[in-house]
Amino acid sequence: MPGGLRPFIDRRTTHAFDLAVMGLAFGLAYLLRFEFDVPLDHRHHAVLQLPLVLAVQFAALYLSGALAFVWKYVGMTEVSAFIRAGASRTWTCGGSWMTTR
């Protein structure tokens, strides 16, 4: 990494990048679900859901310890943190889905 950019890359910046990527993935999931023609009422739902989805995903990654290590050094030893984060998101989102049915 160039020495001039190093002071700007701190934990807040990496968290902001993580949230941006999660938000883009959420938007791409909506686009793929509706074959790139999202109805207006579903766009409204997506905008309302996005903050909650980001909060749940970020909390799951934080609580599982996946945000504690630098992405540059991710290897097989960190896989368990991602599995814990994915499982907790699945249980949280699945549980909320089941209660609304």
N, C-alpha and C. Protein backbone atom coordinates (compact mmCIF):
# COMPACT_ATOMS: atom_id res chain seq x y z
N MET A 1 0.86 -1.18 0.00
CA MET A 1 0.00 0.00 0.00
C MET A 1 0.89 1.23 0.00
N PRO A 2 0.60 2.21 -0.85
CA PRO A 2 1.42 3.42 -0.87
C PRO A 2 1.43 4.08 0.49
N GLY A 3 2.60 4.60 0.88
CA GLY A 3 2.76 5.22 2.19
C GLY A 3 1.83 6.41 2.41
N GLY A 4 1.44 7.12 1.35
CA GLY A 4 0.58 8.29 1.49
C GLY A 4 -0.84 7.95 1.91
N LEU A 5 -1.33 6.74 1.59
CA LEU A 5 -2.69 6.35 1.94
C LEU A 5 -2.80 5.67 3.30
N ARG A 6 -1.70 5.18 3.82
CA ARG A 6 -1.72 4.41 5.06
C ARG A 6 -2.43 5.13 6.21
N PRO A 7 -2.23 6.44 6.46
CA PRO A 7 -2.91 7.09 7.59
C PRO A 7 -4.43 7.13 7.44
N PHE A 8 -4.96 7.00 6.24
CA PHE A 8 -6.40 7.09 6.03
C PHE A 8 -7.11 5.75 6.18
N ILE A 9 -6.36 4.67 6.20
CA ILE A 9 -6.95 3.35 6.33
C ILE A 9 -6.89 2.96 7.81
N ASP A 10 -7.96 3.21 8.51
CA ASP A 10 -8.04 2.81 9.91
C ASP A 10 -9.24 1.90 10.09
N ARG A 11 -9.55 1.54 11.31
CA ARG A 11 -10.64 0.60 11.59
C ARG A 11 -11.98 1.17 11.12
N ARG A 12 -12.22 2.45 11.32
CA ARG A 12 -13.50 3.04 10.87
C ARG A 12 -13.63 2.96 9.36
N THR A 13 -12.53 3.18 8.66
CA THR A 13 -12.56 3.12 7.20
C THR A 13 -12.86 1.70 6.73
N THR A 14 -12.22 0.72 7.34
CA THR A 14 -12.48 -0.66 6.92
C THR A 14 -13.91 -1.08 7.26
N HIS A 15 -14.43 -0.59 8.39
CA HIS A 15 -15.83 -0.88 8.73
C HIS A 15 -16.77 -0.22 7.72
N ALA A 16 -16.44 0.99 7.30
CA ALA A 16 -17.26 1.68 6.29
C ALA A 16 -17.24 0.91 4.98
N PHE A 17 -16.06 0.41 4.58
CA PHE A 17 -15.97 -0.41 3.37
C PHE A 17 -16.79 -1.69 3.52
N ASP A 18 -16.70 -2.33 4.69
CA ASP A 18 -17.49 -3.55 4.93
C ASP A 18 -18.98 -3.27 4.80
N LEU A 19 -19.45 -2.18 5.40
CA LEU A 19 -20.87 -1.83 5.32
C LEU A 19 -21.28 -1.51 3.88
N ALA A 20 -20.39 -0.83 3.16
CA ALA A 20 -20.70 -0.50 1.76
C ALA A 20 -20.82 -1.78 0.92
N VAL A 21 -19.93 -2.73 1.13
CA VAL A 21 -19.98 -3.98 0.37
C VAL A 21 -21.25 -4.75 0.73
N MET A 22 -21.60 -4.78 2.03
CA MET A 22 -22.82 -5.48 2.44
C MET A 22 -24.05 -4.81 1.82
N GLY A 23 -24.06 -3.48 1.78
CA GLY A 23 -25.18 -2.77 1.17
C GLY A 23 -25.28 -3.03 -0.33
N LEU A 24 -24.14 -3.07 -1.00
CA LEU A 24 -24.14 -3.38 -2.43
C LEU A 24 -24.61 -4.81 -2.68
N ALA A 25 -24.20 -5.73 -1.83
CA ALA A 25 -24.65 -7.11 -1.98
C ALA A 25 -26.16 -7.22 -1.78
N PHE A 26 -26.70 -6.47 -0.83
CA PHE A 26 -28.14 -6.45 -0.59
C PHE A 26 -28.87 -5.92 -1.82
N GLY A 27 -28.37 -4.82 -2.38
CA GLY A 27 -28.98 -4.26 -3.58
C GLY A 27 -28.89 -5.21 -4.76
N LEU A 28 -27.76 -5.86 -4.93
CA LEU A 28 -27.60 -6.82 -6.02
C LEU A 28 -28.54 -8.01 -5.84
N ALA A 29 -28.75 -8.42 -4.60
CA ALA A 29 -29.68 -9.53 -4.35
C ALA A 29 -31.09 -9.15 -4.79
N TYR A 30 -31.51 -7.91 -4.50
CA TYR A 30 -32.83 -7.45 -4.95
C TYR A 30 -32.89 -7.41 -6.48
N LEU A 31 -31.83 -6.91 -7.11
CA LEU A 31 -31.82 -6.84 -8.57
C LEU A 31 -31.90 -8.23 -9.19
N LEU A 32 -31.15 -9.16 -8.64
CA LEU A 32 -31.20 -10.52 -9.17
C LEU A 32 -32.55 -11.18 -8.92
N ARG A 33 -33.12 -10.93 -7.76
CA ARG A 33 -34.42 -11.52 -7.42
C ARG A 33 -35.49 -11.11 -8.42
N PHE A 34 -35.47 -9.86 -8.84
CA PHE A 34 -36.50 -9.33 -9.74
C PHE A 34 -35.98 -9.17 -11.17
N GLU A 35 -34.90 -9.87 -11.50
CA GLU A 35 -34.33 -9.85 -12.85
C GLU A 35 -34.09 -8.43 -13.35
N PHE A 36 -33.50 -7.63 -12.48
CA PHE A 36 -33.09 -6.25 -12.76
C PHE A 36 -34.26 -5.32 -13.09
N ASP A 37 -35.46 -5.67 -12.66
CA ASP A 37 -36.64 -4.81 -12.84
C ASP A 37 -37.44 -4.83 -11.53
N VAL A 38 -36.91 -4.15 -10.51
CA VAL A 38 -37.52 -4.16 -9.19
C VAL A 38 -38.76 -3.26 -9.19
N PRO A 39 -39.93 -3.80 -8.82
CA PRO A 39 -41.14 -2.99 -8.75
C PRO A 39 -40.98 -1.88 -7.69
N LEU A 40 -41.68 -0.80 -7.90
CA LEU A 40 -41.55 0.37 -7.04
C LEU A 40 -41.86 0.06 -5.58
N ASP A 41 -42.90 -0.72 -5.30
CA ASP A 41 -43.23 -1.02 -3.92
C ASP A 41 -42.14 -1.87 -3.25
N HIS A 42 -41.48 -2.72 -4.02
CA HIS A 42 -40.38 -3.52 -3.46
C HIS A 42 -39.14 -2.68 -3.23
N ARG A 43 -38.95 -1.66 -4.03
CA ARG A 43 -37.84 -0.73 -3.79
C ARG A 43 -38.02 -0.05 -2.43
N HIS A 44 -39.26 0.33 -2.15
CA HIS A 44 -39.57 0.97 -0.87
C HIS A 44 -39.28 0.00 0.28
N HIS A 45 -39.66 -1.26 0.13
CA HIS A 45 -39.37 -2.26 1.16
C HIS A 45 -37.87 -2.45 1.34
N ALA A 46 -37.13 -2.45 0.24
CA ALA A 46 -35.68 -2.62 0.32
C ALA A 46 -35.03 -1.47 1.08
N VAL A 47 -35.49 -0.26 0.83
CA VAL A 47 -34.94 0.90 1.53
C VAL A 47 -35.24 0.82 3.02
N LEU A 48 -36.42 0.32 3.37
CA LEU A 48 -36.76 0.18 4.79
C LEU A 48 -36.00 -0.96 5.45
N GLN A 49 -35.72 -2.03 4.71
CA GLN A 49 -35.04 -3.19 5.26
C GLN A 49 -33.53 -3.01 5.38
N LEU A 50 -32.96 -2.19 4.52
CA LEU A 50 -31.50 -2.07 4.45
C LEU A 50 -30.84 -1.74 5.79
N PRO A 51 -31.30 -0.75 6.55
CA PRO A 51 -30.62 -0.46 7.82
C PRO A 51 -30.64 -1.64 8.80
N LEU A 52 -31.75 -2.34 8.87
CA LEU A 52 -31.84 -3.49 9.76
C LEU A 52 -30.94 -4.63 9.30
N VAL A 53 -30.93 -4.88 8.01
CA VAL A 53 -30.08 -5.94 7.46
C VAL A 53 -28.60 -5.62 7.72
N LEU A 54 -28.20 -4.39 7.48
CA LEU A 54 -26.81 -4.00 7.73
C LEU A 54 -26.46 -4.12 9.20
N ALA A 55 -27.38 -3.71 10.07
CA ALA A 55 -27.12 -3.79 11.51
C ALA A 55 -26.96 -5.24 11.96
N VAL A 56 -27.84 -6.12 11.48
CA VAL A 56 -27.76 -7.54 11.87
C VAL A 56 -26.48 -8.16 11.32
N GLN A 57 -26.14 -7.89 10.07
CA GLN A 57 -24.93 -8.47 9.48
C GLN A 57 -23.68 -7.96 10.19
N PHE A 58 -23.62 -6.66 10.42
CA PHE A 58 -22.44 -6.08 11.07
C PHE A 58 -22.30 -6.61 12.49
N ALA A 59 -23.43 -6.68 13.21
CA ALA A 59 -23.39 -7.20 14.59
C ALA A 59 -22.93 -8.66 14.60
N ALA A 60 -23.42 -9.45 13.66
CA ALA A 60 -23.02 -10.86 13.60
C ALA A 60 -21.52 -10.99 13.32
N LEU A 61 -21.01 -10.20 12.40
CA LEU A 61 -19.58 -10.24 12.12
C LEU A 61 -18.75 -9.76 13.31
N TYR A 62 -19.24 -8.72 13.98
CA TYR A 62 -18.52 -8.18 15.14
C TYR A 62 -18.52 -9.18 16.29
N LEU A 63 -19.70 -9.72 16.61
CA LEU A 63 -19.81 -10.64 17.74
C LEU A 63 -19.10 -11.97 17.50
N SER A 64 -18.99 -12.38 16.24
CA SER A 64 -18.30 -13.63 15.93
C SER A 64 -16.78 -13.45 15.91
N GLY A 65 -16.33 -12.21 15.92
CA GLY A 65 -14.89 -11.95 15.90
C GLY A 65 -14.32 -11.80 14.51
N ALA A 66 -15.16 -11.82 13.49
CA ALA A 66 -14.67 -11.74 12.12
C ALA A 66 -14.10 -10.36 11.79
N LEU A 67 -14.51 -9.33 12.50
CA LEU A 67 -14.00 -7.99 12.23
C LEU A 67 -12.72 -7.69 13.01
N ALA A 68 -12.29 -8.62 13.86
CA ALA A 68 -11.13 -8.38 14.71
C ALA A 68 -9.81 -8.58 13.97
N PHE A 69 -9.83 -9.26 12.84
CA PHE A 69 -8.58 -9.49 12.13
C PHE A 69 -8.58 -8.72 10.82
N VAL A 70 -7.42 -8.49 10.32
CA VAL A 70 -7.24 -7.72 9.10
C VAL A 70 -7.56 -8.62 7.90
N TRP A 71 -8.33 -8.10 6.94
CA TRP A 71 -8.75 -8.89 5.79
C TRP A 71 -7.58 -9.41 4.98
N LYS A 72 -6.48 -8.70 5.01
CA LYS A 72 -5.32 -9.11 4.25
C LYS A 72 -4.80 -10.47 4.69
N TYR A 73 -5.05 -10.82 5.94
CA TYR A 73 -4.50 -12.04 6.50
C TYR A 73 -5.55 -13.12 6.73
N VAL A 74 -6.64 -13.08 6.03
CA VAL A 74 -7.69 -14.09 6.20
C VAL A 74 -7.21 -15.42 5.62
N GLY A 75 -7.38 -16.46 6.43
CA GLY A 75 -6.98 -17.79 6.00
C GLY A 75 -7.95 -18.83 6.55
N MET A 76 -7.56 -20.06 6.51
CA MET A 76 -8.41 -21.15 6.96
C MET A 76 -8.70 -21.08 8.46
N THR A 77 -7.81 -20.48 9.24
CA THR A 77 -8.04 -20.42 10.68
C THR A 77 -9.17 -19.47 11.03
N GLU A 78 -9.50 -18.54 10.16
CA GLU A 78 -10.59 -17.59 10.42
C GLU A 78 -11.94 -18.06 9.89
N VAL A 79 -11.97 -19.20 9.23
CA VAL A 79 -13.22 -19.70 8.65
C VAL A 79 -14.28 -19.90 9.72
N SER A 80 -13.90 -20.35 10.90
CA SER A 80 -14.88 -20.59 11.96
C SER A 80 -15.60 -19.30 12.36
N ALA A 81 -14.91 -18.17 12.33
CA ALA A 81 -15.57 -16.89 12.65
C ALA A 81 -16.64 -16.57 11.63
N PHE A 82 -16.37 -16.84 10.36
CA PHE A 82 -17.36 -16.56 9.32
C PHE A 82 -18.53 -17.53 9.40
N ILE A 83 -18.26 -18.76 9.77
CA ILE A 83 -19.34 -19.73 9.94
C ILE A 83 -20.25 -19.31 11.09
N ARG A 84 -19.65 -18.88 12.21
CA ARG A 84 -20.46 -18.39 13.34
C ARG A 84 -21.29 -17.18 12.94
N ALA A 85 -20.69 -16.25 12.19
CA ALA A 85 -21.42 -15.06 11.76
C ALA A 85 -22.58 -15.44 10.83
N GLY A 86 -22.33 -16.32 9.89
CA GLY A 86 -23.39 -16.75 8.98
C GLY A 86 -24.50 -17.48 9.69
N ALA A 87 -24.14 -18.34 10.63
CA ALA A 87 -25.16 -19.08 11.39
C ALA A 87 -26.01 -18.14 12.23
N SER A 88 -25.38 -17.17 12.87
CA SER A 88 -26.16 -16.25 13.71
C SER A 88 -27.08 -15.38 12.86
N ARG A 89 -26.63 -14.97 11.67
CA ARG A 89 -27.50 -14.19 10.77
C ARG A 89 -28.66 -15.05 10.31
N THR A 90 -28.38 -16.31 10.00
CA THR A 90 -29.43 -17.21 9.54
C THR A 90 -30.48 -17.38 10.62
N TRP A 91 -30.04 -17.63 11.84
CA TRP A 91 -30.99 -17.82 12.94
C TRP A 91 -31.77 -16.54 13.22
N THR A 92 -31.10 -15.39 13.20
CA THR A 92 -31.76 -14.11 13.48
C THR A 92 -32.79 -13.79 12.40
N CYS A 93 -32.37 -13.84 11.14
CA CYS A 93 -33.28 -13.51 10.04
C CYS A 93 -34.36 -14.57 9.89
N GLY A 94 -34.00 -15.83 10.04
CA GLY A 94 -34.99 -16.90 9.95
C GLY A 94 -36.01 -16.81 11.07
N GLY A 95 -35.55 -16.48 12.26
CA GLY A 95 -36.46 -16.33 13.38
C GLY A 95 -37.42 -15.18 13.20
N SER A 96 -36.92 -14.06 12.70
CA SER A 96 -37.81 -12.92 12.47
C SER A 96 -38.79 -13.22 11.35
N TRP A 97 -38.35 -13.98 10.34
CA TRP A 97 -39.25 -14.35 9.24
C TRP A 97 -40.35 -15.28 9.75
N MET A 98 -39.99 -16.22 10.61
CA MET A 98 -40.97 -17.17 11.13
C MET A 98 -42.00 -16.49 12.03
N THR A 99 -41.60 -15.45 12.75
CA THR A 99 -42.54 -14.77 13.63
C THR A 99 -43.52 -13.88 12.86
N THR A 100 -43.18 -13.50 11.64
CA THR A 100 -44.06 -12.65 10.85
C THR A 100 -45.03 -13.46 10.02
N ARG A 101 -44.89 -14.76 9.99
CA ARG A 101 -45.79 -15.62 9.20
C ARG A 101 -46.97 -16.03 9.98
